[in-house]
PDB file of N, CA and C in Angstrom:
ATOM      1  N   MET A   1     104.787 148.068 121.230  1.00  0.00           N
ATOM      2  CA  MET A   1     104.933 148.166 122.673  1.00  0.00           C
ATOM      3  C   MET A   1     106.354 148.631 122.998  1.00  0.00           C
ATOM      4  N   ILE A   2     106.468 149.466 123.972  1.00  0.00           N
ATOM      5  CA  ILE A   2     107.759 149.976 124.428  1.00  0.00           C
ATOM      6  C   ILE A   2     108.469 148.883 125.228  1.00  0.00           C
ATOM      7  N   GLU A   3     109.779 148.767 125.022  1.00  0.00           N
ATOM      8  CA  GLU A   3     110.568 147.764 125.737  1.00  0.00           C
ATOM      9  C   GLU A   3     110.723 148.152 127.204  1.00  0.00           C
ATOM     10  N   VAL A   4     110.521 147.169 128.072  1.00  0.00           N
ATOM     11  CA  VAL A   4     110.680 147.353 129.513  1.00  0.00           C
ATOM     12  C   VAL A   4     111.790 146.418 129.970  1.00  0.00           C
ATOM     13  N   GLU A   5     112.749 146.955 130.748  1.00  0.00           N
ATOM     14  CA  GLU A   5     113.871 146.156 131.219  1.00  0.00           C
ATOM     15  C   GLU A   5     114.138 146.461 132.693  1.00  0.00           C
ATOM     16  N   VAL A   6     114.350 145.408 133.470  1.00  0.00           N
ATOM     17  CA  VAL A   6     114.749 145.579 134.867  1.00  0.00           C
ATOM     18  C   VAL A   6     116.263 145.739 134.888  1.00  0.00           C
ATOM     19  N   LEU A   7     116.728 146.886 135.374  1.00  0.00           N
ATOM     20  CA  LEU A   7     118.156 147.155 135.429  1.00  0.00           C
ATOM     21  C   LEU A   7     118.806 146.555 136.672  1.00  0.00           C
ATOM     22  N   LYS A   8     118.162 146.735 137.811  1.00  0.00           N
ATOM     23  CA  LYS A   8     118.667 146.219 139.092  1.00  0.00           C
ATOM     24  C   LYS A   8     117.487 145.819 139.952  1.00  0.00           C
ATOM     25  N   PHE A   9     117.741 144.880 140.855  1.00  0.00           N
ATOM     26  CA  PHE A   9     116.723 144.484 141.813  1.00  0.00           C
ATOM     27  C   PHE A   9     117.378 144.415 143.185  1.00  0.00           C
ATOM     28  N   TYR A  10     116.738 145.021 144.156  1.00  0.00           N
ATOM     29  CA  TYR A  10     117.245 145.071 145.525  1.00  0.00           C
ATOM     30  C   TYR A  10     116.270 144.292 146.417  1.00  0.00           C
ATOM     31  N   PRO A  11     116.598 143.020 146.768  1.00  0.00           N
ATOM     32  CA  PRO A  11     115.673 142.217 147.573  1.00  0.00           C
ATOM     33  C   PRO A  11     115.517 142.798 148.979  1.00  0.00           C
ATOM     34  N   PHE A  12     114.310 142.647 149.504  1.00  0.00           N
ATOM     35  CA  PHE A  12     114.002 143.216 150.817  1.00  0.00           C
ATOM     36  C   PHE A  12     112.977 142.358 151.547  1.00  0.00           C
ATOM     37  N   GLU A  13     113.007 141.074 151.315  1.00  0.00           N
ATOM     38  CA  GLU A  13     111.992 140.221 151.914  1.00  0.00           C
ATOM     39  C   GLU A  13     112.366 139.873 153.345  1.00  0.00           C
ATOM     40  N   LEU A  14     111.422 139.999 154.218  1.00  0.00           N
ATOM     41  CA  LEU A  14     111.637 139.640 155.615  1.00  0.00           C
ATOM     42  C   LEU A  14     111.149 138.213 155.823  1.00  0.00           C
ATOM     43  N   PRO A  15     111.967 137.342 156.411  1.00  0.00           N
ATOM     44  CA  PRO A  15     111.577 135.944 156.600  1.00  0.00           C
ATOM     45  C   PRO A  15     110.321 135.816 157.450  1.00  0.00           C
ATOM     46  N   GLY A  16     109.484 134.860 157.080  1.00  0.00           N
ATOM     47  CA  GLY A  16     108.293 134.582 157.875  1.00  0.00           C
ATOM     48  C   GLY A  16     107.084 135.430 157.533  1.00  0.00           C
ATOM     49  N   ARG A  17     107.257 136.428 156.686  1.00  0.00           N
ATOM     50  CA  ARG A  17     106.105 137.262 156.332  1.00  0.00           C
ATOM     51  C   ARG A  17     105.358 136.632 155.174  1.00  0.00           C
ATOM     52  N   ARG A  18     104.062 136.696 155.215  1.00  0.00           N
ATOM     53  CA  ARG A  18     103.248 136.148 154.140  1.00  0.00           C
ATOM     54  C   ARG A  18     103.066 137.131 153.002  1.00  0.00           C
ATOM     55  N   GLY A  19     103.118 138.377 153.294  1.00  0.00           N
ATOM     56  CA  GLY A  19     102.924 139.401 152.283  1.00  0.00           C
ATOM     57  C   GLY A  19     103.803 140.592 152.583  1.00  0.00           C
ATOM     58  N   GLY A  20     103.673 141.619 151.776  1.00  0.00           N
ATOM     59  CA  GLY A  20     104.443 142.825 152.021  1.00  0.00           C
ATOM     60  C   GLY A  20     105.528 143.046 150.994  1.00  0.00           C
ATOM     61  N   LEU A  21     106.454 143.899 151.333  1.00  0.00           N
ATOM     62  CA  LEU A  21     107.519 144.305 150.424  1.00  0.00           C
ATOM     63  C   LEU A  21     108.511 143.165 150.192  1.00  0.00           C
ATOM     64  N   VAL A  22     108.755 142.878 148.914  1.00  0.00           N
ATOM     65  CA  VAL A  22     109.708 141.844 148.526  1.00  0.00           C
ATOM     66  C   VAL A  22     111.024 142.484 148.102  1.00  0.00           C
ATOM     67  N   GLY A  23     110.941 143.644 147.441  1.00  0.00           N
ATOM     68  CA  GLY A  23     112.148 144.321 147.001  1.00  0.00           C
ATOM     69  C   GLY A  23     111.840 145.535 146.153  1.00  0.00           C
ATOM     70  N   TYR A  24     112.909 146.196 145.725  1.00  0.00           N
ATOM     71  CA  TYR A  24     112.806 147.373 144.871  1.00  0.00           C
ATOM     72  C   TYR A  24     113.484 147.077 143.544  1.00  0.00           C
ATOM     73  N   ALA A  25     112.959 147.644 142.467  1.00  0.00           N
ATOM     74  CA  ALA A  25     113.555 147.459 141.145  1.00  0.00           C
ATOM     75  C   ALA A  25     113.763 148.813 140.478  1.00  0.00           C
ATOM     76  N   ASP A  26     114.844 148.904 139.712  1.00  0.00           N
ATOM     77  CA  ASP A  26     115.054 150.041 138.823  1.00  0.00           C
ATOM     78  C   ASP A  26     114.664 149.547 137.431  1.00  0.00           C
ATOM     79  N   VAL A  27     113.723 150.244 136.787  1.00  0.00           N
ATOM     80  CA  VAL A  27     113.137 149.800 135.531  1.00  0.00           C
ATOM     81  C   VAL A  27     113.374 150.836 134.445  1.00  0.00           C
ATOM     82  N   ARG A  28     113.856 150.360 133.299  1.00  0.00           N
ATOM     83  CA  ARG A  28     114.060 151.245 132.137  1.00  0.00           C
ATOM     84  C   ARG A  28     112.892 151.046 131.180  1.00  0.00           C
ATOM     85  N   ILE A  29     112.317 152.165 130.723  1.00  0.00           N
ATOM     86  CA  ILE A  29     111.219 152.153 129.765  1.00  0.00           C
ATOM     87  C   ILE A  29     111.775 152.649 128.437  1.00  0.00           C
ATOM     88  N   GLY A  30     112.026 151.706 127.519  1.00  0.00           N
ATOM     89  CA  GLY A  30     112.604 152.064 126.233  1.00  0.00           C
ATOM     90  C   GLY A  30     113.865 152.887 126.420  1.00  0.00           C
ATOM     91  N   ASP A  31     114.052 153.863 125.531  1.00  0.00           N
ATOM     92  CA  ASP A  31     115.150 154.815 125.671  1.00  0.00           C
ATOM     93  C   ASP A  31     114.615 156.129 126.210  1.00  0.00           C
ATOM     94  N   LEU A  32     113.494 156.044 126.935  1.00  0.00           N
ATOM     95  CA  LEU A  32     112.792 157.248 127.367  1.00  0.00           C
ATOM     96  C   LEU A  32     113.067 157.640 128.810  1.00  0.00           C
ATOM     97  N   LEU A  33     113.011 156.658 129.714  1.00  0.00           N
ATOM     98  CA  LEU A  33     113.178 157.014 131.118  1.00  0.00           C
ATOM     99  C   LEU A  33     113.530 155.803 131.962  1.00  0.00           C
ATOM    100  N   ILE A  34     114.015 156.080 133.156  1.00  0.00           N
ATOM    101  CA  ILE A  34     114.289 155.058 134.166  1.00  0.00           C
ATOM    102  C   ILE A  34     113.476 155.423 135.401  1.00  0.00           C
ATOM    103  N   ILE A  35     112.760 154.446 135.911  1.00  0.00           N
ATOM    104  CA  ILE A  35     112.011 154.628 137.154  1.00  0.00           C
ATOM    105  C   ILE A  35     112.739 153.835 138.227  1.00  0.00           C
ATOM    106  N   ARG A  36     113.209 154.514 139.240  1.00  0.00           N
ATOM    107  CA  ARG A  36     113.932 153.870 140.330  1.00  0.00           C
ATOM    108  C   ARG A  36     112.987 153.584 141.496  1.00  0.00           C
ATOM    109  N   SER A  37     113.277 152.547 142.209  1.00  0.00           N
ATOM    110  CA  SER A  37     112.545 152.166 143.430  1.00  0.00           C
ATOM    111  C   SER A  37     111.101 151.762 143.184  1.00  0.00           C
ATOM    112  N   VAL A  38     110.866 151.028 142.087  1.00  0.00           N
ATOM    113  CA  VAL A  38     109.554 150.420 141.873  1.00  0.00           C
ATOM    114  C   VAL A  38     109.455 149.287 142.892  1.00  0.00           C
ATOM    115  N   LYS A  39     108.391 149.267 143.659  1.00  0.00           N
ATOM    116  CA  LYS A  39     108.248 148.266 144.718  1.00  0.00           C
ATOM    117  C   LYS A  39     107.609 146.996 144.173  1.00  0.00           C
ATOM    118  N   LEU A  40     108.193 145.847 144.523  1.00  0.00           N
ATOM    119  CA  LEU A  40     107.554 144.565 144.255  1.00  0.00           C
ATOM    120  C   LEU A  40     106.945 144.103 145.567  1.00  0.00           C
ATOM    121  N   MET A  41     105.636 143.908 145.547  1.00  0.00           N
ATOM    122  CA  MET A  41     104.892 143.522 146.731  1.00  0.00           C
ATOM    123  C   MET A  41     104.323 142.119 146.550  1.00  0.00           C
ATOM    124  N   LYS A  42     104.195 141.397 147.667  1.00  0.00           N
ATOM    125  CA  LYS A  42     103.576 140.078 147.644  1.00  0.00           C
ATOM    126  C   LYS A  42     102.327 140.136 148.509  1.00  0.00           C
ATOM    127  N   ASN A  43     101.205 139.691 147.939  1.00  0.00           N
ATOM    128  CA  ASN A  43      99.993 139.694 148.757  1.00  0.00           C
ATOM    129  C   ASN A  43      99.935 138.428 149.607  1.00  0.00           C
ATOM    130  N   ARG A  44      99.029 138.372 150.513  1.00  0.00           N
ATOM    131  CA  ARG A  44      98.995 137.249 151.464  1.00  0.00           C
ATOM    132  C   ARG A  44      98.591 135.929 150.822  1.00  0.00           C
ATOM    133  N   HIS A  45      98.095 135.988 149.576  1.00  0.00           N
ATOM    134  CA  HIS A  45      97.714 134.779 148.863  1.00  0.00           C
ATOM    135  C   HIS A  45      98.838 134.277 147.963  1.00  0.00           C
ATOM    136  N   GLY A  46      99.986 134.966 147.957  1.00  0.00           N
ATOM    137  CA  GLY A  46     101.138 134.523 147.194  1.00  0.00           C
ATOM    138  C   GLY A  46     101.322 135.206 145.853  1.00  0.00           C
ATOM    139  N   GLY A  47     100.400 136.068 145.456  1.00  0.00           N
ATOM    140  CA  GLY A  47     100.528 136.790 144.191  1.00  0.00           C
ATOM    141  C   GLY A  47     101.431 138.010 144.343  1.00  0.00           C
ATOM    142  N   TYR A  48     101.890 138.521 143.216  1.00  0.00           N
ATOM    143  CA  TYR A  48     102.775 139.685 143.217  1.00  0.00           C
ATOM    144  C   TYR A  48     102.131 140.857 142.492  1.00  0.00           C
ATOM    145  N   TYR A  49     102.466 142.054 142.930  1.00  0.00           N
ATOM    146  CA  TYR A  49     102.048 143.267 142.241  1.00  0.00           C
ATOM    147  C   TYR A  49     103.129 144.327 142.440  1.00  0.00           C
ATOM    148  N   VAL A  50     103.087 145.354 141.622  1.00  0.00           N
ATOM    149  CA  VAL A  50     104.081 146.428 141.741  1.00  0.00           C
ATOM    150  C   VAL A  50     103.396 147.730 142.139  1.00  0.00           C
ATOM    151  N   GLN A  51     104.167 148.573 142.803  1.00  0.00           N
ATOM    152  CA  GLN A  51     103.726 149.920 143.154  1.00  0.00           C
ATOM    153  C   GLN A  51     104.808 150.882 142.707  1.00  0.00           C
ATOM    154  N   MET A  52     104.379 151.984 142.169  1.00  0.00           N
ATOM    155  CA  MET A  52     105.331 153.018 141.774  1.00  0.00           C
ATOM    156  C   MET A  52     105.917 153.651 143.038  1.00  0.00           C
ATOM    157  N   PRO A  53     107.094 154.256 142.923  1.00  0.00           N
ATOM    158  CA  PRO A  53     107.702 154.893 144.096  1.00  0.00           C
ATOM    159  C   PRO A  53     106.800 155.983 144.674  1.00  0.00           C
ATOM    160  N   ASP A  54     106.903 156.186 145.963  1.00  0.00           N
ATOM    161  CA  ASP A  54     106.126 157.270 146.574  1.00  0.00           C
ATOM    162  C   ASP A  54     107.054 158.194 147.346  1.00  0.00           C
ATOM    163  N   VAL A  55     106.557 159.405 147.564  1.00  0.00           N
ATOM    164  CA  VAL A  55     107.325 160.452 148.231  1.00  0.00           C
ATOM    165  C   VAL A  55     106.509 160.949 149.421  1.00  0.00           C
ATOM    166  N   PHE A  56     107.189 161.110 150.543  1.00  0.00           N
ATOM    167  CA  PHE A  56     106.543 161.629 151.740  1.00  0.00           C
ATOM    168  C   PHE A  56     106.842 163.115 151.853  1.00  0.00           C
ATOM    169  N   ARG A  57     105.816 163.917 151.951  1.00  0.00           N
ATOM    170  CA  ARG A  57     105.962 165.356 152.156  1.00  0.00           C
ATOM    171  C   ARG A  57     105.059 165.765 153.313  1.00  0.00           C
ATOM    172  N   ALA A  58     105.675 166.242 154.362  1.00  0.00           N
ATOM    173  CA  ALA A  58     104.946 166.652 155.571  1.00  0.00           C
ATOM    174  C   ALA A  58     104.072 165.484 156.034  1.00  0.00           C
ATOM    175  N   ASP A  59     102.760 165.634 155.972  1.00  0.00           N
ATOM    176  CA  ASP A  59     101.857 164.581 156.427  1.00  0.00           C
ATOM    177  C   ASP A  59     101.144 163.903 155.255  1.00  0.00           C
ATOM    178  N   ARG A  60     101.733 163.979 154.069  1.00  0.00           N
ATOM    179  CA  ARG A  60     101.089 163.468 152.864  1.00  0.00           C
ATOM    180  C   ARG A  60     102.031 162.559 152.077  1.00  0.00           C
ATOM    181  N   VAL A  61     101.480 161.545 151.460  1.00  0.00           N
ATOM    182  CA  VAL A  61     102.233 160.648 150.587  1.00  0.00           C
ATOM    183  C   VAL A  61     101.650 160.770 149.189  1.00  0.00           C
ATOM    184  N   PHE A  62     102.533 160.878 148.185  1.00  0.00           N
ATOM    185  CA  PHE A  62     102.036 160.888 146.813  1.00  0.00           C
ATOM    186  C   PHE A  62     103.001 160.159 145.902  1.00  0.00           C
ATOM    187  N   GLU A  63     102.491 159.690 144.766  1.00  0.00           N
ATOM    188  CA  GLU A  63     103.296 158.990 143.778  1.00  0.00           C
ATOM    189  C   GLU A  63     103.680 159.964 142.674  1.00  0.00           C
ATOM    190  N   PRO A  64     104.973 160.263 142.514  1.00  0.00           N
ATOM    191  CA  PRO A  64     105.395 161.201 141.482  1.00  0.00           C
ATOM    192  C   PRO A  64     105.324 160.612 140.071  1.00  0.00           C
ATOM    193  N   VAL A  65     105.202 159.272 139.971  1.00  0.00           N
ATOM    194  CA  VAL A  65     105.108 158.608 138.671  1.00  0.00           C
ATOM    195  C   VAL A  65     103.750 157.926 138.591  1.00  0.00           C
ATOM    196  N   GLU A  66     103.017 158.218 137.530  1.00  0.00           N
ATOM    197  CA  GLU A  66     101.733 157.566 137.313  1.00  0.00           C
ATOM    198  C   GLU A  66     101.743 156.950 135.923  1.00  0.00           C
ATOM    199  N   ILE A  67     101.553 155.642 135.853  1.00  0.00           N
ATOM    200  CA  ILE A  67     101.498 154.943 134.577  1.00  0.00           C
ATOM    201  C   ILE A  67     100.037 154.917 134.142  1.00  0.00           C
ATOM    202  N   ILE A  68      99.740 155.585 133.063  1.00  0.00           N
ATOM    203  CA  ILE A  68      98.363 155.689 132.583  1.00  0.00           C
ATOM    204  C   ILE A  68      97.971 154.460 131.767  1.00  0.00           C
ATOM    205  N   SER A  69      98.909 153.950 130.978  1.00  0.00           N
ATOM    206  CA  SER A  69      98.635 152.808 130.113  1.00  0.00           C
ATOM    207  C   SER A  69      98.575 151.510 130.925  1.00  0.00           C
ATOM    208  N   LYS A  70      97.435 150.834 130.879  1.00  0.00           N
ATOM    209  CA  LYS A  70      97.300 149.557 131.575  1.00  0.00           C
ATOM    210  C   LYS A  70      98.233 148.511 130.977  1.00  0.00           C
ATOM    211  N   ASP A  71      98.438 148.573 129.661  1.00  0.00           N
ATOM    212  CA  ASP A  71      99.342 147.628 129.005  1.00  0.00           C
ATOM    213  C   ASP A  71     100.772 147.819 129.484  1.00  0.00           C
ATOM    214  N   LEU A  72     101.205 149.058 129.597  1.00  0.00           N
ATOM    215  CA  LEU A  72     102.562 149.329 130.073  1.00  0.00           C
ATOM    216  C   LEU A  72     102.712 148.905 131.527  1.00  0.00           C
ATOM    217  N   MET A  73     101.721 149.175 132.343  1.00  0.00           N
ATOM    218  CA  MET A  73     101.781 148.774 133.750  1.00  0.00           C
ATOM    219  C   MET A  73     101.842 147.254 133.868  1.00  0.00           C
ATOM    220  N   SER A  74     101.082 146.545 133.047  1.00  0.00           N
ATOM    221  CA  SER A  74     101.123 145.079 133.039  1.00  0.00           C
ATOM    222  C   SER A  74     102.494 144.563 132.617  1.00  0.00           C
ATOM    223  N   GLU A  75     103.093 145.215 131.633  1.00  0.00           N
ATOM    224  CA  GLU A  75     104.413 144.813 131.161  1.00  0.00           C
ATOM    225  C   GLU A  75     105.473 145.058 132.237  1.00  0.00           C
ATOM    226  N   ILE A  76     105.390 146.178 132.935  1.00  0.00           N
ATOM    227  CA  ILE A  76     106.322 146.459 134.037  1.00  0.00           C
ATOM    228  C   ILE A  76     106.181 145.382 135.108  1.00  0.00           C
ATOM    229  N   ARG A  77     104.950 145.082 135.492  1.00  0.00           N
ATOM    230  CA  ARG A  77     104.704 144.057 136.503  1.00  0.00           C
ATOM    231  C   ARG A  77     105.273 142.718 136.054  1.00  0.00           C
ATOM    232  N   ARG A  78     104.994 142.329 134.827  1.00  0.00           N
ATOM    233  CA  ARG A  78     105.456 141.043 134.319  1.00  0.00           C
ATOM    234  C   ARG A  78     106.981 140.948 134.337  1.00  0.00           C
ATOM    235  N   LYS A  79     107.644 142.009 133.873  1.00  0.00           N
ATOM    236  CA  LYS A  79     109.107 142.002 133.815  1.00  0.00           C
ATOM    237  C   LYS A  79     109.730 141.936 135.210  1.00  0.00           C
ATOM    238  N   VAL A  80     109.196 142.706 136.152  1.00  0.00           N
ATOM    239  CA  VAL A  80     109.751 142.719 137.511  1.00  0.00           C
ATOM    240  C   VAL A  80     109.527 141.374 138.194  1.00  0.00           C
ATOM    241  N   VAL A  81     108.331 140.822 138.079  1.00  0.00           N
ATOM    242  CA  VAL A  81     108.034 139.529 138.705  1.00  0.00           C
ATOM    243  C   VAL A  81     108.873 138.425 138.071  1.00  0.00           C
ATOM    244  N   ASP A  82     108.962 138.402 136.742  1.00  0.00           N
ATOM    245  CA  ASP A  82     109.774 137.388 136.057  1.00  0.00           C
ATOM    246  C   ASP A  82     111.242 137.493 136.461  1.00  0.00           C
ATOM    247  N   PHE A  83     111.754 138.714 136.536  1.00  0.00           N
ATOM    248  CA  PHE A  83     113.141 138.926 136.942  1.00  0.00           C
ATOM    249  C   PHE A  83     113.365 138.372 138.345  1.00  0.00           C
ATOM    250  N   TYR A  84     112.473 138.685 139.251  1.00  0.00           N
ATOM    251  CA  TYR A  84     112.578 138.220 140.635  1.00  0.00           C
ATOM    252  C   TYR A  84     112.538 136.696 140.697  1.00  0.00           C
ATOM    253  N   ARG A  85     111.583 136.091 140.009  1.00  0.00           N
ATOM    254  CA  ARG A  85     111.436 134.634 140.042  1.00  0.00           C
ATOM    255  C   ARG A  85     112.658 133.928 139.446  1.00  0.00           C
ATOM    256  N   GLU A  86     113.177 134.454 138.340  1.00  0.00           N
ATOM    257  CA  GLU A  86     114.348 133.837 137.706  1.00  0.00           C
ATOM    258  C   GLU A  86     115.598 134.004 138.565  1.00  0.00           C
ATOM    259  N   ARG A  87     115.810 135.201 139.076  1.00  0.00           N
ATOM    260  CA  ARG A  87     117.025 135.496 139.833  1.00  0.00           C
ATOM    261  C   ARG A  87     117.054 134.752 141.160  1.00  0.00           C
ATOM    262  N   TYR A  88     115.899 134.653 141.831  1.00  0.00           N
ATOM    263  CA  TYR A  88     115.858 134.059 143.163  1.00  0.00           C
ATOM    264  C   TYR A  88     115.188 132.690 143.181  1.00  0.00           C
ATOM    265  N   LYS A  89     114.988 132.105 141.993  1.00  0.00           N
ATOM    266  CA  LYS A  89     114.461 130.738 141.843  1.00  0.00           C
ATOM    267  C   LYS A  89     113.158 130.541 142.590  1.00  0.00           C
ATOM    268  N   ILE A  90     112.253 131.484 142.410  1.00  0.00           N
ATOM    269  CA  ILE A  90     110.926 131.422 143.043  1.00  0.00           C
ATOM    270  C   ILE A  90     109.948 130.870 142.011  1.00  0.00           C
ATOM    271  N   SER A  91     109.113 129.933 142.403  1.00  0.00           N
ATOM    272  CA  SER A  91     108.133 129.380 141.455  1.00  0.00           C
ATOM    273  C   SER A  91     106.795 130.055 141.581  1.00  0.00           C
TER     274      SER A  91
END
């Protein structure tokens, strides 16, 4: 498995919201690439998920990064959520 590391995390949680954007993370994938602005989202039931960065062009939104491997996507999610929970003492 390729090593996944959270380089930086930029919190963006709005008080009183049950779900939505929690913050952005810069993630390094091995010695291969860095993905900036990976979104950490919280659903209304308290769970977390990640979204790859998106780009707005005219009237269209698209994701320039697509993770094909489900294992890699799970590892990215796990690392970002663990980093957030440890850094901000979230259980």
